[in-house]
Amino acid sequence: MPSILSNAANDPTVRIFDSFYNIDVTVNASEYELVQAFFNGVCETQNQAKQFTAFLFRVATESGIPAQELLAEMQSMKTDNITINQFLIFYLNSFRPKTGLYGISTEPTPVYPVARNVVR
């Protein structure tokens, strides 16, 4: 689970880091609160909302798309957990290796000449 550090009132930033995924992102505190408020309204638990918030900022950092733009796109869609999962999975899979994608429940059958070159 990503860890969230909020500095004292002197520093208006929030630091999101996760040692497992090697993520370290520093974001504006007001922007973080805006995204967090959206996910608090949509998600069932506070923990789930924190994870979705961290993933949105990771997607924003990796893709170069501003977090507010991603949030506006999400707000224009149907806001249920399945739609939010699909949205984030789409962006997270865009910078993951193609051998380990999020949200794939069945193993795709590759072309044999290509499959023999992939080490599992």
N, C-alpha and C. Protein backbone atom coordinates (compact mmCIF):
# COMPACT_ATOMS: atom_id res chain seq x y z
N MET A 1 0.84 -1.18 0.00
CA MET A 1 0.00 0.00 0.00
C MET A 1 0.88 1.24 0.00
N PRO A 2 0.56 2.22 -0.81
CA PRO A 2 1.36 3.44 -0.84
C PRO A 2 1.28 4.20 0.48
N SER A 3 2.38 4.79 0.87
CA SER A 3 2.42 5.62 2.06
C SER A 3 2.26 7.08 1.65
N ILE A 4 1.54 7.84 2.46
CA ILE A 4 1.27 9.24 2.18
C ILE A 4 1.86 10.06 3.32
N LEU A 5 2.72 11.02 3.00
CA LEU A 5 3.29 11.90 4.00
C LEU A 5 2.87 13.32 3.70
N SER A 6 2.26 13.96 4.67
CA SER A 6 1.89 15.37 4.54
C SER A 6 2.78 16.17 5.47
N ASN A 7 3.43 17.17 4.94
CA ASN A 7 4.34 17.98 5.73
C ASN A 7 3.57 19.01 6.54
N ALA A 8 4.26 19.72 7.37
CA ALA A 8 3.64 20.73 8.23
C ALA A 8 3.01 21.83 7.38
N ALA A 9 2.38 22.76 8.02
CA ALA A 9 1.68 23.85 7.33
C ALA A 9 2.63 24.70 6.49
N ASN A 10 3.92 24.63 6.77
CA ASN A 10 4.90 25.43 6.03
C ASN A 10 5.09 24.93 4.60
N ASP A 11 4.86 23.65 4.36
CA ASP A 11 5.12 23.05 3.05
C ASP A 11 3.82 22.52 2.46
N PRO A 12 3.31 23.14 1.41
CA PRO A 12 2.02 22.72 0.85
C PRO A 12 2.13 21.56 -0.15
N THR A 13 2.89 20.52 0.21
CA THR A 13 3.02 19.37 -0.68
C THR A 13 2.71 18.08 0.07
N VAL A 14 2.39 17.06 -0.69
CA VAL A 14 2.16 15.73 -0.15
C VAL A 14 3.10 14.79 -0.89
N ARG A 15 3.74 13.89 -0.17
CA ARG A 15 4.68 12.94 -0.78
C ARG A 15 4.04 11.56 -0.76
N ILE A 16 3.96 10.94 -1.93
CA ILE A 16 3.41 9.59 -2.08
C ILE A 16 4.56 8.68 -2.45
N PHE A 17 4.78 7.62 -1.67
CA PHE A 17 5.83 6.69 -2.04
C PHE A 17 5.42 5.27 -1.70
N ASP A 18 5.96 4.35 -2.46
CA ASP A 18 5.69 2.94 -2.28
C ASP A 18 6.97 2.20 -2.61
N SER A 19 7.54 1.52 -1.63
CA SER A 19 8.81 0.85 -1.84
C SER A 19 8.68 -0.38 -2.74
N PHE A 20 7.50 -1.01 -2.78
CA PHE A 20 7.31 -2.19 -3.62
C PHE A 20 7.37 -1.83 -5.10
N TYR A 21 6.66 -0.78 -5.50
CA TYR A 21 6.63 -0.35 -6.90
C TYR A 21 7.69 0.70 -7.21
N ASN A 22 8.48 1.08 -6.22
CA ASN A 22 9.53 2.09 -6.38
C ASN A 22 8.95 3.41 -6.89
N ILE A 23 7.94 3.89 -6.18
CA ILE A 23 7.27 5.14 -6.53
C ILE A 23 7.63 6.19 -5.49
N ASP A 24 7.96 7.38 -5.95
CA ASP A 24 8.20 8.51 -5.05
C ASP A 24 7.75 9.77 -5.78
N VAL A 25 6.57 10.28 -5.42
CA VAL A 25 5.97 11.42 -6.10
C VAL A 25 5.63 12.48 -5.07
N THR A 26 5.98 13.72 -5.36
CA THR A 26 5.60 14.84 -4.51
C THR A 26 4.60 15.69 -5.29
N VAL A 27 3.43 15.93 -4.68
CA VAL A 27 2.36 16.66 -5.35
C VAL A 27 1.88 17.81 -4.48
N ASN A 28 1.19 18.72 -5.09
CA ASN A 28 0.60 19.86 -4.39
C ASN A 28 -0.48 19.33 -3.44
N ALA A 29 -0.51 19.81 -2.21
CA ALA A 29 -1.45 19.32 -1.20
C ALA A 29 -2.90 19.61 -1.58
N SER A 30 -3.16 20.78 -2.14
CA SER A 30 -4.54 21.10 -2.51
C SER A 30 -5.02 20.21 -3.66
N GLU A 31 -4.14 19.91 -4.60
CA GLU A 31 -4.49 19.01 -5.71
C GLU A 31 -4.73 17.60 -5.17
N TYR A 32 -3.90 17.18 -4.21
CA TYR A 32 -4.08 15.86 -3.59
C TYR A 32 -5.43 15.78 -2.89
N GLU A 33 -5.79 16.82 -2.14
CA GLU A 33 -7.06 16.85 -1.41
C GLU A 33 -8.26 16.81 -2.37
N LEU A 34 -8.13 17.48 -3.52
CA LEU A 34 -9.19 17.48 -4.52
C LEU A 34 -9.43 16.07 -5.06
N VAL A 35 -8.35 15.39 -5.41
CA VAL A 35 -8.46 14.01 -5.93
C VAL A 35 -8.96 13.08 -4.84
N GLN A 36 -8.42 13.23 -3.63
CA GLN A 36 -8.83 12.40 -2.50
C GLN A 36 -10.33 12.56 -2.21
N ALA A 37 -10.84 13.78 -2.28
CA ALA A 37 -12.27 14.03 -2.03
C ALA A 37 -13.14 13.32 -3.06
N PHE A 38 -12.69 13.32 -4.33
CA PHE A 38 -13.45 12.62 -5.37
C PHE A 38 -13.52 11.13 -5.06
N PHE A 39 -12.38 10.54 -4.73
CA PHE A 39 -12.36 9.10 -4.45
C PHE A 39 -13.06 8.74 -3.15
N ASN A 40 -13.06 9.64 -2.17
CA ASN A 40 -13.81 9.39 -0.93
C ASN A 40 -15.30 9.29 -1.22
N GLY A 41 -15.78 10.07 -2.19
CA GLY A 41 -17.19 10.02 -2.54
C GLY A 41 -17.57 8.80 -3.37
N VAL A 42 -16.62 8.20 -4.03
CA VAL A 42 -16.90 7.08 -4.92
C VAL A 42 -16.58 5.73 -4.28
N CYS A 43 -15.50 5.66 -3.53
CA CYS A 43 -15.03 4.39 -2.97
C CYS A 43 -15.77 4.03 -1.68
N GLU A 44 -15.74 2.75 -1.35
CA GLU A 44 -16.44 2.27 -0.16
C GLU A 44 -15.66 2.51 1.12
N THR A 45 -14.33 2.44 1.06
CA THR A 45 -13.52 2.61 2.26
C THR A 45 -12.49 3.71 2.07
N GLN A 46 -11.99 4.23 3.16
CA GLN A 46 -10.95 5.26 3.15
C GLN A 46 -9.65 4.70 2.58
N ASN A 47 -9.33 3.45 2.90
CA ASN A 47 -8.12 2.82 2.40
C ASN A 47 -8.15 2.69 0.88
N GLN A 48 -9.30 2.29 0.36
CA GLN A 48 -9.46 2.16 -1.08
C GLN A 48 -9.31 3.52 -1.77
N ALA A 49 -9.86 4.55 -1.18
CA ALA A 49 -9.76 5.90 -1.74
C ALA A 49 -8.31 6.38 -1.76
N LYS A 50 -7.55 6.08 -0.72
CA LYS A 50 -6.13 6.46 -0.68
C LYS A 50 -5.34 5.76 -1.78
N GLN A 51 -5.63 4.47 -2.00
CA GLN A 51 -4.90 3.73 -3.04
C GLN A 51 -5.24 4.26 -4.43
N PHE A 52 -6.51 4.53 -4.69
CA PHE A 52 -6.89 5.08 -5.99
C PHE A 52 -6.25 6.45 -6.21
N THR A 53 -6.20 7.26 -5.15
CA THR A 53 -5.57 8.57 -5.26
C THR A 53 -4.09 8.44 -5.60
N ALA A 54 -3.40 7.53 -4.92
CA ALA A 54 -1.98 7.31 -5.19
C ALA A 54 -1.77 6.82 -6.62
N PHE A 55 -2.63 5.90 -7.08
CA PHE A 55 -2.49 5.38 -8.44
C PHE A 55 -2.75 6.48 -9.48
N LEU A 56 -3.70 7.37 -9.21
CA LEU A 56 -3.96 8.45 -10.16
C LEU A 56 -2.73 9.34 -10.30
N PHE A 57 -2.07 9.65 -9.19
CA PHE A 57 -0.87 10.48 -9.26
C PHE A 57 0.29 9.72 -9.90
N ARG A 58 0.34 8.42 -9.72
CA ARG A 58 1.37 7.64 -10.41
C ARG A 58 1.14 7.67 -11.91
N VAL A 59 -0.11 7.50 -12.33
CA VAL A 59 -0.45 7.57 -13.76
C VAL A 59 -0.10 8.94 -14.31
N ALA A 60 -0.44 9.99 -13.55
CA ALA A 60 -0.14 11.35 -14.00
C ALA A 60 1.36 11.56 -14.17
N THR A 61 2.15 11.04 -13.24
CA THR A 61 3.60 11.18 -13.32
C THR A 61 4.18 10.40 -14.49
N GLU A 62 3.75 9.16 -14.64
CA GLU A 62 4.30 8.29 -15.69
C GLU A 62 3.87 8.72 -17.09
N SER A 63 2.63 9.19 -17.24
CA SER A 63 2.11 9.52 -18.57
C SER A 63 2.36 10.97 -18.97
N GLY A 64 2.61 11.83 -17.99
CA GLY A 64 2.81 13.24 -18.30
C GLY A 64 1.50 14.01 -18.43
N ILE A 65 0.39 13.34 -18.19
CA ILE A 65 -0.92 14.00 -18.22
C ILE A 65 -1.19 14.57 -16.84
N PRO A 66 -1.57 15.84 -16.73
CA PRO A 66 -1.83 16.43 -15.40
C PRO A 66 -2.94 15.67 -14.66
N ALA A 67 -2.79 15.55 -13.36
CA ALA A 67 -3.75 14.81 -12.54
C ALA A 67 -5.14 15.43 -12.61
N GLN A 68 -5.23 16.75 -12.70
CA GLN A 68 -6.53 17.40 -12.78
C GLN A 68 -7.24 17.06 -14.09
N GLU A 69 -6.48 16.88 -15.16
CA GLU A 69 -7.07 16.49 -16.44
C GLU A 69 -7.60 15.06 -16.38
N LEU A 70 -6.83 14.16 -15.75
CA LEU A 70 -7.29 12.78 -15.57
C LEU A 70 -8.54 12.74 -14.69
N LEU A 71 -8.54 13.55 -13.64
CA LEU A 71 -9.68 13.60 -12.73
C LEU A 71 -10.93 14.12 -13.45
N ALA A 72 -10.76 15.14 -14.27
CA ALA A 72 -11.90 15.69 -15.02
C ALA A 72 -12.47 14.64 -15.96
N GLU A 73 -11.60 13.85 -16.58
CA GLU A 73 -12.06 12.79 -17.46
C GLU A 73 -12.83 11.73 -16.68
N MET A 74 -12.34 11.39 -15.49
CA MET A 74 -13.03 10.41 -14.65
C MET A 74 -14.38 10.93 -14.16
N GLN A 75 -14.45 12.20 -13.83
CA GLN A 75 -15.70 12.78 -13.35
C GLN A 75 -16.76 12.82 -14.44
N SER A 76 -16.35 12.88 -15.69
CA SER A 76 -17.31 12.91 -16.79
C SER A 76 -17.87 11.52 -17.11
N MET A 77 -17.23 10.48 -16.59
CA MET A 77 -17.69 9.12 -16.83
C MET A 77 -18.62 8.67 -15.71
N LYS A 78 -19.18 7.48 -15.89
CA LYS A 78 -19.98 6.88 -14.81
C LYS A 78 -19.04 6.54 -13.66
N THR A 79 -19.37 6.98 -12.46
CA THR A 79 -18.44 6.81 -11.34
C THR A 79 -18.83 5.62 -10.47
N ASP A 80 -18.51 4.44 -10.94
CA ASP A 80 -18.62 3.25 -10.11
C ASP A 80 -17.25 2.58 -10.09
N ASN A 81 -17.07 1.62 -9.19
CA ASN A 81 -15.76 1.01 -9.02
C ASN A 81 -15.25 0.31 -10.28
N ILE A 82 -16.13 -0.31 -11.04
CA ILE A 82 -15.70 -1.02 -12.24
C ILE A 82 -15.16 -0.04 -13.27
N THR A 83 -15.85 1.06 -13.49
CA THR A 83 -15.41 2.05 -14.46
C THR A 83 -14.09 2.68 -14.03
N ILE A 84 -13.96 3.00 -12.75
CA ILE A 84 -12.72 3.58 -12.24
C ILE A 84 -11.57 2.58 -12.38
N ASN A 85 -11.82 1.32 -12.05
CA ASN A 85 -10.79 0.29 -12.23
C ASN A 85 -10.35 0.20 -13.68
N GLN A 86 -11.29 0.16 -14.60
CA GLN A 86 -10.95 0.06 -16.02
C GLN A 86 -10.15 1.26 -16.48
N PHE A 87 -10.52 2.44 -16.02
CA PHE A 87 -9.81 3.67 -16.40
C PHE A 87 -8.36 3.62 -15.93
N LEU A 88 -8.16 3.30 -14.65
CA LEU A 88 -6.80 3.26 -14.11
C LEU A 88 -5.99 2.10 -14.69
N ILE A 89 -6.62 0.95 -14.90
CA ILE A 89 -5.92 -0.19 -15.49
C ILE A 89 -5.42 0.15 -16.89
N PHE A 90 -6.25 0.85 -17.66
CA PHE A 90 -5.83 1.24 -19.01
C PHE A 90 -4.53 2.03 -18.97
N TYR A 91 -4.46 3.03 -18.09
CA TYR A 91 -3.26 3.87 -18.02
C TYR A 91 -2.09 3.14 -17.35
N LEU A 92 -2.35 2.36 -16.30
CA LEU A 92 -1.27 1.63 -15.65
C LEU A 92 -0.64 0.60 -16.58
N ASN A 93 -1.45 -0.06 -17.41
CA ASN A 93 -0.92 -1.05 -18.35
C ASN A 93 -0.12 -0.41 -19.47
N SER A 94 -0.31 0.88 -19.72
CA SER A 94 0.42 1.52 -20.80
C SER A 94 1.91 1.65 -20.50
N PHE A 95 2.32 1.61 -19.23
CA PHE A 95 3.75 1.68 -18.93
C PHE A 95 4.25 0.45 -18.17
N ARG A 96 3.50 -0.62 -18.18
CA ARG A 96 3.95 -1.89 -17.60
C ARG A 96 4.47 -2.80 -18.71
N PRO A 97 5.33 -3.77 -18.35
CA PRO A 97 5.74 -4.74 -19.37
C PRO A 97 4.54 -5.55 -19.84
N LYS A 98 4.51 -5.89 -21.10
CA LYS A 98 3.36 -6.57 -21.68
C LYS A 98 3.22 -8.02 -21.19
N THR A 99 4.21 -8.54 -20.50
CA THR A 99 4.11 -9.91 -19.96
C THR A 99 3.38 -9.95 -18.63
N GLY A 100 3.15 -8.81 -17.99
CA GLY A 100 2.44 -8.79 -16.71
C GLY A 100 1.50 -7.61 -16.64
N LEU A 101 0.30 -7.77 -17.16
CA LEU A 101 -0.65 -6.67 -17.21
C LEU A 101 -1.67 -6.77 -16.08
N TYR A 102 -2.13 -5.63 -15.59
CA TYR A 102 -3.20 -5.59 -14.60
C TYR A 102 -4.53 -5.91 -15.26
N GLY A 103 -5.41 -6.57 -14.53
CA GLY A 103 -6.77 -6.76 -14.99
C GLY A 103 -6.97 -7.85 -16.01
N ILE A 104 -5.97 -8.66 -16.27
CA ILE A 104 -6.10 -9.76 -17.23
C ILE A 104 -6.31 -11.04 -16.44
N SER A 105 -7.51 -11.62 -16.56
CA SER A 105 -7.80 -12.82 -15.77
C SER A 105 -7.52 -14.10 -16.53
N THR A 106 -7.49 -14.06 -17.84
CA THR A 106 -7.15 -15.24 -18.62
C THR A 106 -5.87 -14.98 -19.38
N GLU A 107 -5.08 -15.99 -19.49
CA GLU A 107 -3.80 -15.85 -20.17
C GLU A 107 -4.02 -15.85 -21.68
N PRO A 108 -3.58 -14.81 -22.39
CA PRO A 108 -3.75 -14.79 -23.83
C PRO A 108 -2.87 -15.84 -24.49
N THR A 109 -3.32 -16.41 -25.58
CA THR A 109 -2.54 -17.41 -26.31
C THR A 109 -1.68 -16.70 -27.34
N PRO A 110 -0.36 -16.72 -27.15
CA PRO A 110 0.52 -16.01 -28.08
C PRO A 110 0.82 -16.84 -29.32
N VAL A 111 1.37 -16.20 -30.31
CA VAL A 111 1.84 -16.89 -31.51
C VAL A 111 3.08 -17.69 -31.11
N TYR A 112 3.18 -18.95 -31.55
CA TYR A 112 4.25 -19.83 -31.09
C TYR A 112 5.66 -19.27 -31.30
N PRO A 113 6.04 -18.76 -32.47
CA PRO A 113 7.41 -18.24 -32.61
C PRO A 113 7.73 -17.11 -31.64
N VAL A 114 6.73 -16.32 -31.28
CA VAL A 114 6.95 -15.25 -30.33
C VAL A 114 7.00 -15.80 -28.92
N ALA A 115 6.14 -16.76 -28.61
CA ALA A 115 6.05 -17.32 -27.27
C ALA A 115 7.34 -18.01 -26.83
N ARG A 116 8.01 -18.64 -27.73
CA ARG A 116 9.23 -19.36 -27.35
C ARG A 116 10.36 -18.41 -26.96
N ASN A 117 10.26 -17.14 -27.38
CA ASN A 117 11.28 -16.15 -27.02
C ASN A 117 11.00 -15.45 -25.70
N VAL A 118 9.82 -15.65 -25.14
CA VAL A 118 9.45 -15.01 -23.88
C VAL A 118 9.78 -15.96 -22.74
N VAL A 119 10.59 -15.50 -21.81
CA VAL A 119 10.98 -16.29 -20.64
C VAL A 119 10.00 -15.98 -19.54
N ARG A 120 9.43 -16.99 -18.92
CA ARG A 120 8.49 -16.77 -17.81
C ARG A 120 9.21 -16.79 -16.51
